[in-house]
């Protein structure tokens, strides 16, 4: 499972929004009998980049679930995609792993 989350969110919200998206995808795409998927957490700079990623996923036919945060005027804050394997992983090469510096701010 790949999760794309906005890095322009407050640090305390980055992990929360990523988890929201992952839960929504799990509810709709992963049965309790399936093996727990691997998780790759990537960051994008803005909501616009996240919308661009959403369009790419739709065009590629990758299963995904966007998460719109009601407490942020229904902004798109994260997308979970997958489970993804094989050649479908190539669609995520353009995204960078969420950097340690961002995660350190979240943990602080």
PDB file of N, CA and C in Angstrom:
ATOM      1  N   UNK A   1       0.857  -1.164   0.000  1.00  0.00           N
ATOM      2  CA  UNK A   1       0.000   0.000   0.000  1.00  0.00           C
ATOM      3  C   UNK A   1       0.904   1.229   0.000  1.00  0.00           C
ATOM      4  N   UNK A   2       0.603   2.154  -0.875  1.00  0.00           N
ATOM      5  CA  UNK A   2       1.305   3.431  -0.914  1.00  0.00           C
ATOM      6  C   UNK A   2       0.374   4.491  -0.362  1.00  0.00           C
ATOM      7  N   UNK A   3       0.905   5.366   0.486  1.00  0.00           N
ATOM      8  CA  UNK A   3       0.136   6.492   0.995  1.00  0.00           C
ATOM      9  C   UNK A   3       0.890   7.757   0.628  1.00  0.00           C
ATOM     10  N   UNK A   4       0.200   8.663  -0.052  1.00  0.00           N
ATOM     11  CA  UNK A   4       0.748   9.967  -0.387  1.00  0.00           C
ATOM     12  C   UNK A   4       0.079  10.980   0.524  1.00  0.00           C
ATOM     13  N   UNK A   5       0.889  11.799   1.189  1.00  0.00           N
ATOM     14  CA  UNK A   5       0.354  12.779   2.130  1.00  0.00           C
ATOM     15  C   UNK A   5       1.006  14.131   1.856  1.00  0.00           C
ATOM     16  N   UNK A   6       0.260  15.186   2.094  1.00  0.00           N
ATOM     17  CA  UNK A   6       0.761  16.544   1.870  1.00  0.00           C
ATOM     18  C   UNK A   6       1.759  16.937   2.938  1.00  0.00           C
ATOM     19  N   UNK A   7       2.887  17.501   2.506  1.00  0.00           N
ATOM     20  CA  UNK A   7       3.905  17.969   3.442  1.00  0.00           C
ATOM     21  C   UNK A   7       3.645  19.402   3.886  1.00  0.00           C
ATOM     22  N   UNK A   8       2.673  20.082   3.270  1.00  0.00           N
ATOM     23  CA  UNK A   8       2.373  21.453   3.670  1.00  0.00           C
ATOM     24  C   UNK A   8       1.351  21.510   4.805  1.00  0.00           C
ATOM     25  N   UNK A   9       0.966  20.365   5.328  1.00  0.00           N
ATOM     26  CA  UNK A   9       0.069  20.316   6.491  1.00  0.00           C
ATOM     27  C   UNK A   9       0.873  20.574   7.756  1.00  0.00           C
ATOM     28  N   UNK A  10       0.204  20.990   8.827  1.00  0.00           N
ATOM     29  CA  UNK A  10       0.913  21.113  10.102  1.00  0.00           C
ATOM     30  C   UNK A  10       1.510  19.754  10.471  1.00  0.00           C
ATOM     31  N   UNK A  11       2.714  19.750  11.045  1.00  0.00           N
ATOM     32  CA  UNK A  11       3.371  18.477  11.375  1.00  0.00           C
ATOM     33  C   UNK A  11       2.489  17.511  12.150  1.00  0.00           C
ATOM     34  N   UNK A  12       1.679  18.025  13.052  1.00  0.00           N
ATOM     35  CA  UNK A  12       0.834  17.137  13.843  1.00  0.00           C
ATOM     36  C   UNK A  12      -0.235  16.449  13.005  1.00  0.00           C
ATOM     37  N   UNK A  13      -0.516  16.965  11.820  1.00  0.00           N
ATOM     38  CA  UNK A  13      -1.570  16.406  10.972  1.00  0.00           C
ATOM     39  C   UNK A  13      -1.062  15.437   9.911  1.00  0.00           C
ATOM     40  N   UNK A  14       0.221  15.451   9.624  1.00  0.00           N
ATOM     41  CA  UNK A  14       0.752  14.619   8.543  1.00  0.00           C
ATOM     42  C   UNK A  14       0.464  13.139   8.793  1.00  0.00           C
ATOM     43  N   UNK A  15       0.848  12.650   9.945  1.00  0.00           N
ATOM     44  CA  UNK A  15       0.624  11.234  10.253  1.00  0.00           C
ATOM     45  C   UNK A  15      -0.870  10.928  10.352  1.00  0.00           C
ATOM     46  N   UNK A  16      -1.632  11.812  10.959  1.00  0.00           N
ATOM     47  CA  UNK A  16      -3.069  11.593  11.135  1.00  0.00           C
ATOM     48  C   UNK A  16      -3.756  11.447   9.780  1.00  0.00           C
ATOM     49  N   UNK A  17      -3.450  12.331   8.840  1.00  0.00           N
ATOM     50  CA  UNK A  17      -4.109  12.285   7.542  1.00  0.00           C
ATOM     51  C   UNK A  17      -3.689  11.038   6.754  1.00  0.00           C
ATOM     52  N   UNK A  18      -2.424  10.655   6.853  1.00  0.00           N
ATOM     53  CA  UNK A  18      -1.954   9.439   6.185  1.00  0.00           C
ATOM     54  C   UNK A  18      -2.689   8.216   6.722  1.00  0.00           C
ATOM     55  N   UNK A  19      -2.867   8.170   8.020  1.00  0.00           N
ATOM     56  CA  UNK A  19      -3.556   7.038   8.642  1.00  0.00           C
ATOM     57  C   UNK A  19      -5.022   7.013   8.232  1.00  0.00           C
ATOM     58  N   UNK A  20      -5.656   8.171   8.184  1.00  0.00           N
ATOM     59  CA  UNK A  20      -7.054   8.229   7.727  1.00  0.00           C
ATOM     60  C   UNK A  20      -7.185   7.588   6.344  1.00  0.00           C
ATOM     61  N   UNK A  21      -6.309   7.972   5.426  1.00  0.00           N
ATOM     62  CA  UNK A  21      -6.380   7.432   4.063  1.00  0.00           C
ATOM     63  C   UNK A  21      -6.150   5.930   4.057  1.00  0.00           C
ATOM     64  N   UNK A  22      -5.181   5.459   4.825  1.00  0.00           N
ATOM     65  CA  UNK A  22      -4.888   4.021   4.875  1.00  0.00           C
ATOM     66  C   UNK A  22      -6.083   3.235   5.419  1.00  0.00           C
ATOM     67  N   UNK A  23      -6.725   3.765   6.431  1.00  0.00           N
ATOM     68  CA  UNK A  23      -7.894   3.089   7.004  1.00  0.00           C
ATOM     69  C   UNK A  23      -9.021   3.010   5.980  1.00  0.00           C
ATOM     70  N   UNK A  24      -9.259   4.096   5.257  1.00  0.00           N
ATOM     71  CA  UNK A  24     -10.323   4.098   4.256  1.00  0.00           C
ATOM     72  C   UNK A  24     -10.052   3.079   3.158  1.00  0.00           C
ATOM     73  N   UNK A  25      -8.803   2.985   2.719  1.00  0.00           N
ATOM     74  CA  UNK A  25      -8.476   1.992   1.703  1.00  0.00           C
ATOM     75  C   UNK A  25      -8.651   0.584   2.251  1.00  0.00           C
ATOM     76  N   UNK A  26      -8.182   0.354   3.459  1.00  0.00           N
ATOM     77  CA  UNK A  26      -8.295  -0.978   4.059  1.00  0.00           C
ATOM     78  C   UNK A  26      -9.760  -1.390   4.196  1.00  0.00           C
ATOM     79  N   UNK A  27     -10.604  -0.462   4.590  1.00  0.00           N
ATOM     80  CA  UNK A  27     -12.037  -0.768   4.723  1.00  0.00           C
ATOM     81  C   UNK A  27     -12.653  -1.234   3.415  1.00  0.00           C
ATOM     82  N   UNK A  28     -12.205  -0.651   2.316  1.00  0.00           N
ATOM     83  CA  UNK A  28     -12.859  -0.919   1.043  1.00  0.00           C
ATOM     84  C   UNK A  28     -12.159  -1.934   0.151  1.00  0.00           C
ATOM     85  N   UNK A  29     -10.866  -2.180   0.349  1.00  0.00           N
ATOM     86  CA  UNK A  29     -10.125  -2.987  -0.618  1.00  0.00           C
ATOM     87  C   UNK A  29      -9.450  -4.227  -0.051  1.00  0.00           C
ATOM     88  N   UNK A  30      -9.287  -4.305   1.255  1.00  0.00           N
ATOM     89  CA  UNK A  30      -8.503  -5.401   1.827  1.00  0.00           C
ATOM     90  C   UNK A  30      -9.407  -6.242   2.726  1.00  0.00           C
ATOM     91  N   UNK A  31      -9.538  -7.513   2.386  1.00  0.00           N
ATOM     92  CA  UNK A  31     -10.387  -8.379   3.201  1.00  0.00           C
ATOM     93  C   UNK A  31      -9.611  -8.841   4.434  1.00  0.00           C
ATOM     94  N   UNK A  32     -10.319  -9.200   5.492  1.00  0.00           N
ATOM     95  CA  UNK A  32      -9.651  -9.664   6.715  1.00  0.00           C
ATOM     96  C   UNK A  32      -8.810 -10.923   6.491  1.00  0.00           C
ATOM     97  N   UNK A  33      -9.102 -11.668   5.425  1.00  0.00           N
ATOM     98  CA  UNK A  33      -8.364 -12.892   5.148  1.00  0.00           C
ATOM     99  C   UNK A  33      -7.037 -12.642   4.437  1.00  0.00           C
ATOM    100  N   UNK A  34      -6.860 -11.452   3.878  1.00  0.00           N
ATOM    101  CA  UNK A  34      -5.635 -11.143   3.141  1.00  0.00           C
ATOM    102  C   UNK A  34      -4.482 -10.839   4.090  1.00  0.00           C
ATOM    103  N   UNK A  35      -3.283 -11.074   3.579  1.00  0.00           N
ATOM    104  CA  UNK A  35      -2.072 -10.752   4.334  1.00  0.00           C
ATOM    105  C   UNK A  35      -1.972  -9.234   4.491  1.00  0.00           C
ATOM    106  N   UNK A  36      -1.436  -8.804   5.613  1.00  0.00           N
ATOM    107  CA  UNK A  36      -1.246  -7.380   5.878  1.00  0.00           C
ATOM    108  C   UNK A  36      -0.314  -6.800   4.813  1.00  0.00           C
ATOM    109  N   UNK A  37      -0.710  -5.713   4.112  1.00  0.00           N
ATOM    110  CA  UNK A  37       0.139  -5.164   3.050  1.00  0.00           C
ATOM    111  C   UNK A  37       1.321  -4.377   3.618  1.00  0.00           C
ATOM    112  N   UNK A  38       2.381  -4.281   2.815  1.00  0.00           N
ATOM    113  CA  UNK A  38       3.481  -3.397   3.159  1.00  0.00           C
ATOM    114  C   UNK A  38       2.992  -1.969   3.006  1.00  0.00           C
ATOM    115  N   UNK A  39       3.608  -1.054   3.731  1.00  0.00           N
ATOM    116  CA  UNK A  39       3.205   0.342   3.678  1.00  0.00           C
ATOM    117  C   UNK A  39       4.393   1.198   3.279  1.00  0.00           C
ATOM    118  N   UNK A  40       4.200   2.047   2.270  1.00  0.00           N
ATOM    119  CA  UNK A  40       5.211   2.999   1.826  1.00  0.00           C
ATOM    120  C   UNK A  40       4.585   4.376   1.980  1.00  0.00           C
ATOM    121  N   UNK A  41       5.217   5.253   2.757  1.00  0.00           N
ATOM    122  CA  UNK A  41       4.682   6.583   3.038  1.00  0.00           C
ATOM    123  C   UNK A  41       5.493   7.625   2.277  1.00  0.00           C
ATOM    124  N   UNK A  42       4.816   8.322   1.378  1.00  0.00           N
ATOM    125  CA  UNK A  42       5.462   9.329   0.534  1.00  0.00           C
ATOM    126  C   UNK A  42       4.839  10.687   0.794  1.00  0.00           C
ATOM    127  N   UNK A  43       5.604  11.738   0.534  1.00  0.00           N
ATOM    128  CA  UNK A  43       5.109  13.094   0.720  1.00  0.00           C
ATOM    129  C   UNK A  43       5.053  13.853  -0.593  1.00  0.00           C
ATOM    130  N   UNK A  44       4.059  14.699  -0.726  1.00  0.00           N
ATOM    131  CA  UNK A  44       3.959  15.629  -1.850  1.00  0.00           C
ATOM    132  C   UNK A  44       3.858  17.032  -1.271  1.00  0.00           C
ATOM    133  N   UNK A  45       4.232  18.029  -2.054  1.00  0.00           N
ATOM    134  CA  UNK A  45       4.360  19.386  -1.530  1.00  0.00           C
ATOM    135  C   UNK A  45       3.041  20.088  -1.224  1.00  0.00           C
ATOM    136  N   UNK A  46       1.977  19.759  -1.972  1.00  0.00           N
ATOM    137  CA  UNK A  46       0.773  20.578  -1.854  1.00  0.00           C
ATOM    138  C   UNK A  46      -0.476  19.790  -2.234  1.00  0.00           C
ATOM    139  N   UNK A  47      -1.618  20.421  -1.998  1.00  0.00           N
ATOM    140  CA  UNK A  47      -2.884  19.812  -2.393  1.00  0.00           C
ATOM    141  C   UNK A  47      -2.959  19.674  -3.914  1.00  0.00           C
ATOM    142  N   UNK A  48      -2.435  20.651  -4.642  1.00  0.00           N
ATOM    143  CA  UNK A  48      -2.431  20.569  -6.102  1.00  0.00           C
ATOM    144  C   UNK A  48      -1.649  19.345  -6.577  1.00  0.00           C
ATOM    145  N   UNK A  49      -0.477  19.093  -5.992  1.00  0.00           N
ATOM    146  CA  UNK A  49       0.288  17.910  -6.372  1.00  0.00           C
ATOM    147  C   UNK A  49      -0.451  16.631  -6.008  1.00  0.00           C
ATOM    148  N   UNK A  50      -1.186  16.662  -4.916  1.00  0.00           N
ATOM    149  CA  UNK A  50      -1.959  15.494  -4.523  1.00  0.00           C
ATOM    150  C   UNK A  50      -3.106  15.248  -5.512  1.00  0.00           C
ATOM    151  N   UNK A  51      -3.751  16.314  -5.969  1.00  0.00           N
ATOM    152  CA  UNK A  51      -4.788  16.158  -6.997  1.00  0.00           C
ATOM    153  C   UNK A  51      -4.193  15.616  -8.297  1.00  0.00           C
ATOM    154  N   UNK A  52      -2.984  16.068  -8.654  1.00  0.00           N
ATOM    155  CA  UNK A  52      -2.315  15.536  -9.840  1.00  0.00           C
ATOM    156  C   UNK A  52      -2.042  14.042  -9.682  1.00  0.00           C
ATOM    157  N   UNK A  53      -1.608  13.635  -8.496  1.00  0.00           N
ATOM    158  CA  UNK A  53      -1.363  12.218  -8.224  1.00  0.00           C
ATOM    159  C   UNK A  53      -2.663  11.428  -8.331  1.00  0.00           C
ATOM    160  N   UNK A  54      -3.743  11.989  -7.824  1.00  0.00           N
ATOM    161  CA  UNK A  54      -5.050  11.338  -7.889  1.00  0.00           C
ATOM    162  C   UNK A  54      -5.451  11.090  -9.347  1.00  0.00           C
ATOM    163  N   UNK A  55      -5.250  12.075 -10.199  1.00  0.00           N
ATOM    164  CA  UNK A  55      -5.565  11.913 -11.624  1.00  0.00           C
ATOM    165  C   UNK A  55      -4.704  10.823 -12.258  1.00  0.00           C
ATOM    166  N   UNK A  56      -3.419  10.773 -11.902  1.00  0.00           N
ATOM    167  CA  UNK A  56      -2.534   9.741 -12.455  1.00  0.00           C
ATOM    168  C   UNK A  56      -2.989   8.347 -12.036  1.00  0.00           C
ATOM    169  N   UNK A  57      -3.361   8.203 -10.766  1.00  0.00           N
ATOM    170  CA  UNK A  57      -3.824   6.908 -10.276  1.00  0.00           C
ATOM    171  C   UNK A  57      -5.108   6.477 -10.989  1.00  0.00           C
ATOM    172  N   UNK A  58      -6.024   7.415 -11.168  1.00  0.00           N
ATOM    173  CA  UNK A  58      -7.275   7.115 -11.869  1.00  0.00           C
ATOM    174  C   UNK A  58      -6.988   6.675 -13.296  1.00  0.00           C
ATOM    175  N   UNK A  59      -6.123   7.412 -13.985  1.00  0.00           N
ATOM    176  CA  UNK A  59      -5.789   7.097 -15.378  1.00  0.00           C
ATOM    177  C   UNK A  59      -5.122   5.730 -15.501  1.00  0.00           C
ATOM    178  N   UNK A  60      -4.274   5.375 -14.508  1.00  0.00           N
ATOM    179  CA  UNK A  60      -3.551   4.099 -14.543  1.00  0.00           C
ATOM    180  C   UNK A  60      -4.404   2.937 -14.059  1.00  0.00           C
ATOM    181  N   UNK A  61      -5.562   3.221 -13.491  1.00  0.00           N
ATOM    182  CA  UNK A  61      -6.423   2.160 -12.987  1.00  0.00           C
ATOM    183  C   UNK A  61      -5.919   1.530 -11.698  1.00  0.00           C
ATOM    184  N   UNK A  62      -5.134   2.278 -10.931  1.00  0.00           N
ATOM    185  CA  UNK A  62      -4.617   1.797  -9.646  1.00  0.00           C
ATOM    186  C   UNK A  62      -5.711   1.982  -8.599  1.00  0.00           C
ATOM    187  N   UNK A  63      -6.067   0.927  -7.848  1.00  0.00           N
ATOM    188  CA  UNK A  63      -7.072   1.101  -6.785  1.00  0.00           C
ATOM    189  C   UNK A  63      -6.568   2.105  -5.745  1.00  0.00           C
ATOM    190  N   UNK A  64      -7.427   3.010  -5.344  1.00  0.00           N
ATOM    191  CA  UNK A  64      -7.006   4.048  -4.402  1.00  0.00           C
ATOM    192  C   UNK A  64      -8.219   4.619  -3.670  1.00  0.00           C
ATOM    193  N   UNK A  65      -7.914   5.320  -2.590  1.00  0.00           N
ATOM    194  CA  UNK A  65      -8.936   6.023  -1.823  1.00  0.00           C
ATOM    195  C   UNK A  65      -8.359   7.373  -1.421  1.00  0.00           C
ATOM    196  N   UNK A  66      -8.940   8.454  -1.908  1.00  0.00           N
ATOM    197  CA  UNK A  66      -8.524   9.771  -1.434  1.00  0.00           C
ATOM    198  C   UNK A  66      -9.160  10.056  -0.077  1.00  0.00           C
ATOM    199  N   UNK A  67      -8.519  10.900   0.703  1.00  0.00           N
ATOM    200  CA  UNK A  67      -9.111  11.298   1.974  1.00  0.00           C
ATOM    201  C   UNK A  67      -9.263  12.815   1.978  1.00  0.00           C
ATOM    202  N   UNK A  68     -10.498  13.266   2.182  1.00  0.00           N
ATOM    203  CA  UNK A  68     -10.831  14.681   2.263  1.00  0.00           C
ATOM    204  C   UNK A  68     -11.150  14.984   3.722  1.00  0.00           C
ATOM    205  N   UNK A  69     -10.415  15.903   4.322  1.00  0.00           N
ATOM    206  CA  UNK A  69     -10.566  16.202   5.748  1.00  0.00           C
ATOM    207  C   UNK A  69     -11.675  17.224   5.975  1.00  0.00           C
ATOM    208  N   UNK A  70     -12.722  16.777   6.639  1.00  0.00           N
ATOM    209  CA  UNK A  70     -13.862  17.657   6.923  1.00  0.00           C
ATOM    210  C   UNK A  70     -13.461  18.851   7.784  1.00  0.00           C
ATOM    211  N   UNK A  71     -12.530  18.649   8.706  1.00  0.00           N
ATOM    212  CA  UNK A  71     -12.101  19.733   9.598  1.00  0.00           C
ATOM    213  C   UNK A  71     -11.208  20.749   8.890  1.00  0.00           C
ATOM    214  N   UNK A  72     -10.868  20.502   7.632  1.00  0.00           N
ATOM    215  CA  UNK A  72     -10.057  21.433   6.836  1.00  0.00           C
ATOM    216  C   UNK A  72     -10.838  21.832   5.576  1.00  0.00           C
ATOM    217  N   UNK A  73     -12.128  22.052   5.721  1.00  0.00           N
ATOM    218  CA  UNK A  73     -12.992  22.454   4.602  1.00  0.00           C
ATOM    219  C   UNK A  73     -12.930  21.458   3.444  1.00  0.00           C
ATOM    220  N   UNK A  74     -12.901  20.176   3.791  1.00  0.00           N
ATOM    221  CA  UNK A  74     -12.886  19.092   2.803  1.00  0.00           C
ATOM    222  C   UNK A  74     -11.697  19.153   1.846  1.00  0.00           C
ATOM    223  N   UNK A  75     -10.543  19.603   2.356  1.00  0.00           N
ATOM    224  CA  UNK A  75      -9.321  19.583   1.551  1.00  0.00           C
ATOM    225  C   UNK A  75      -8.879  18.140   1.335  1.00  0.00           C
ATOM    226  N   UNK A  76      -8.299  17.870   0.181  1.00  0.00           N
ATOM    227  CA  UNK A  76      -7.657  16.585  -0.069  1.00  0.00           C
ATOM    228  C   UNK A  76      -6.339  16.592   0.697  1.00  0.00           C
ATOM    229  N   UNK A  77      -6.194  15.661   1.633  1.00  0.00           N
ATOM    230  CA  UNK A  77      -4.996  15.664   2.482  1.00  0.00           C
ATOM    231  C   UNK A  77      -4.105  14.453   2.267  1.00  0.00           C
ATOM    232  N   UNK A  78      -4.658  13.349   1.780  1.00  0.00           N
ATOM    233  CA  UNK A  78      -3.863  12.132   1.588  1.00  0.00           C
ATOM    234  C   UNK A  78      -4.603  11.182   0.648  1.00  0.00           C
ATOM    235  N   UNK A  79      -3.839  10.279   0.061  1.00  0.00           N
ATOM    236  CA  UNK A  79      -4.389   9.230  -0.794  1.00  0.00           C
ATOM    237  C   UNK A  79      -3.695   7.931  -0.438  1.00  0.00           C
ATOM    238  N   UNK A  80      -4.461   6.869  -0.272  1.00  0.00           N
ATOM    239  CA  UNK A  80      -3.885   5.532  -0.106  1.00  0.00           C
ATOM    240  C   UNK A  80      -4.180   4.757  -1.382  1.00  0.00           C
ATOM    241  N   UNK A  81      -3.198   4.001  -1.834  1.00  0.00           N
ATOM    242  CA  UNK A  81      -3.349   3.239  -3.073  1.00  0.00           C
ATOM    243  C   UNK A  81      -2.863   1.816  -2.867  1.00  0.00           C
ATOM    244  N   UNK A  82      -3.602   0.884  -3.457  1.00  0.00           N
ATOM    245  CA  UNK A  82      -3.120  -0.478  -3.393  1.00  0.00           C
ATOM    246  C   UNK A  82      -4.205  -1.448  -2.986  1.00  0.00           C
ATOM    247  N   UNK A  83      -3.796  -2.611  -2.602  1.00  0.00           N
ATOM    248  CA  UNK A  83      -2.416  -3.083  -2.592  1.00  0.00           C
ATOM    249  C   UNK A  83      -1.813  -3.030  -4.000  1.00  0.00           C
ATOM    250  N   UNK A  84      -0.535  -2.690  -4.073  1.00  0.00           N
ATOM    251  CA  UNK A  84       0.171  -2.500  -5.328  1.00  0.00           C
ATOM    252  C   UNK A  84       1.333  -3.479  -5.384  1.00  0.00           C
ATOM    253  N   UNK A  85       1.494  -4.135  -6.535  1.00  0.00           N
ATOM    254  CA  UNK A  85       2.621  -5.053  -6.697  1.00  0.00           C
ATOM    255  C   UNK A  85       3.083  -5.029  -8.144  1.00  0.00           C
ATOM    256  N   UNK A  86       4.190  -5.683  -8.398  1.00  0.00           N
ATOM    257  CA  UNK A  86       4.708  -5.823  -9.752  1.00  0.00           C
ATOM    258  C   UNK A  86       4.909  -4.503 -10.456  1.00  0.00           C
ATOM    259  N   UNK A  87       4.530  -4.470 -11.732  1.00  0.00           N
ATOM    260  CA  UNK A  87       4.751  -3.293 -12.562  1.00  0.00           C
ATOM    261  C   UNK A  87       3.936  -2.083 -12.117  1.00  0.00           C
ATOM    262  N   UNK A  88       2.869  -2.310 -11.362  1.00  0.00           N
ATOM    263  CA  UNK A  88       2.063  -1.174 -10.883  1.00  0.00           C
ATOM    264  C   UNK A  88       2.872  -0.268  -9.946  1.00  0.00           C
ATOM    265  N   UNK A  89       3.929  -0.787  -9.361  1.00  0.00           N
ATOM    266  CA  UNK A  89       4.758   0.042  -8.467  1.00  0.00           C
ATOM    267  C   UNK A  89       5.445   1.178  -9.208  1.00  0.00           C
ATOM    268  N   UNK A  90       5.646   1.022 -10.511  1.00  0.00           N
ATOM    269  CA  UNK A  90       6.337   2.051 -11.290  1.00  0.00           C
ATOM    270  C   UNK A  90       5.620   3.401 -11.223  1.00  0.00           C
ATOM    271  N   UNK A  91       4.318   3.384 -10.996  1.00  0.00           N
ATOM    272  CA  UNK A  91       3.559   4.625 -10.941  1.00  0.00           C
ATOM    273  C   UNK A  91       3.923   5.477  -9.725  1.00  0.00           C
ATOM    274  N   UNK A  92       4.644   4.915  -8.783  1.00  0.00           N
ATOM    275  CA  UNK A  92       4.987   5.633  -7.556  1.00  0.00           C
ATOM    276  C   UNK A  92       6.440   6.080  -7.521  1.00  0.00           C
ATOM    277  N   UNK A  93       7.201   5.798  -8.569  1.00  0.00           N
ATOM    278  CA  UNK A  93       8.622   6.158  -8.594  1.00  0.00           C
ATOM    279  C   UNK A  93       8.852   7.660  -8.529  1.00  0.00           C
ATOM    280  N   UNK A  94       7.925   8.432  -8.987  1.00  0.00           N
ATOM    281  CA  UNK A  94       8.090   9.889  -9.009  1.00  0.00           C
ATOM    282  C   UNK A  94       7.963  10.521  -7.617  1.00  0.00           C
ATOM    283  N   UNK A  95       7.446   9.775  -6.652  1.00  0.00           N
ATOM    284  CA  UNK A  95       7.203  10.325  -5.322  1.00  0.00           C
ATOM    285  C   UNK A  95       8.341   9.943  -4.371  1.00  0.00           C
ATOM    286  N   UNK A  96       8.678  10.867  -3.494  1.00  0.00           N
ATOM    287  CA  UNK A  96       9.742  10.640  -2.526  1.00  0.00           C
ATOM    288  C   UNK A  96       9.182  10.145  -1.204  1.00  0.00           C
ATOM    289  N   UNK A  97       9.955   9.280  -0.555  1.00  0.00           N
ATOM    290  CA  UNK A  97       9.586   8.867   0.793  1.00  0.00           C
ATOM    291  C   UNK A  97       9.508  10.089   1.683  1.00  0.00           C
ATOM    292  N   UNK A  98       8.612  10.049   2.643  1.00  0.00           N
ATOM    293  CA  UNK A  98       8.503  11.152   3.586  1.00  0.00           C
ATOM    294  C   UNK A  98       9.823  11.244   4.339  1.00  0.00           C
ATOM    295  N   UNK A  99      10.426  12.394   4.353  1.00  0.00           N
ATOM    296  CA  UNK A  99      11.768  12.571   4.909  1.00  0.00           C
ATOM    297  C   UNK A  99      11.771  12.529   6.431  1.00  0.00           C
ATOM    298  N   UNK A 100      12.907  12.098   6.970  1.00  0.00           N
ATOM    299  CA  UNK A 100      13.070  12.017   8.423  1.00  0.00           C
ATOM    300  C   UNK A 100      12.804  13.355   9.099  1.00  0.00           C
ATOM    301  N   UNK A 101      13.206  14.472   8.464  1.00  0.00           N
ATOM    302  CA  UNK A 101      13.025  15.781   9.093  1.00  0.00           C
ATOM    303  C   UNK A 101      11.551  16.081   9.315  1.00  0.00           C
ATOM    304  N   UNK A 102      10.698  15.690   8.376  1.00  0.00           N
ATOM    305  CA  UNK A 102       9.250  15.898   8.538  1.00  0.00           C
ATOM    306  C   UNK A 102       8.742  15.020   9.675  1.00  0.00           C
ATOM    307  N   UNK A 103       9.167  13.781   9.699  1.00  0.00           N
ATOM    308  CA  UNK A 103       8.700  12.857  10.732  1.00  0.00           C
ATOM    309  C   UNK A 103       9.217  13.253  12.110  1.00  0.00           C
ATOM    310  N   UNK A 104      10.403  13.844  12.188  1.00  0.00           N
ATOM    311  CA  UNK A 104      10.912  14.321  13.473  1.00  0.00           C
ATOM    312  C   UNK A 104      10.030  15.438  14.019  1.00  0.00           C
ATOM    313  N   UNK A 105       9.549  16.307  13.119  1.00  0.00           N
ATOM    314  CA  UNK A 105       8.641  17.375  13.547  1.00  0.00           C
ATOM    315  C   UNK A 105       7.331  16.783  14.056  1.00  0.00           C
ATOM    316  N   UNK A 106       6.844  15.737  13.400  1.00  0.00           N
ATOM    317  CA  UNK A 106       5.598  15.096  13.820  1.00  0.00           C
ATOM    318  C   UNK A 106       5.768  14.498  15.204  1.00  0.00           C
ATOM    319  N   UNK A 107       6.918  13.866  15.463  1.00  0.00           N
ATOM    320  CA  UNK A 107       7.160  13.191  16.736  1.00  0.00           C
ATOM    321  C   UNK A 107       7.397  14.166  17.883  1.00  0.00           C
ATOM    322  N   UNK A 108       7.804  15.378  17.561  1.00  0.00           N
ATOM    323  CA  UNK A 108       8.144  16.364  18.612  1.00  0.00           C
ATOM    324  C   UNK A 108       6.921  16.868  19.347  1.00  0.00           C
TER     325      UNK A 108
END
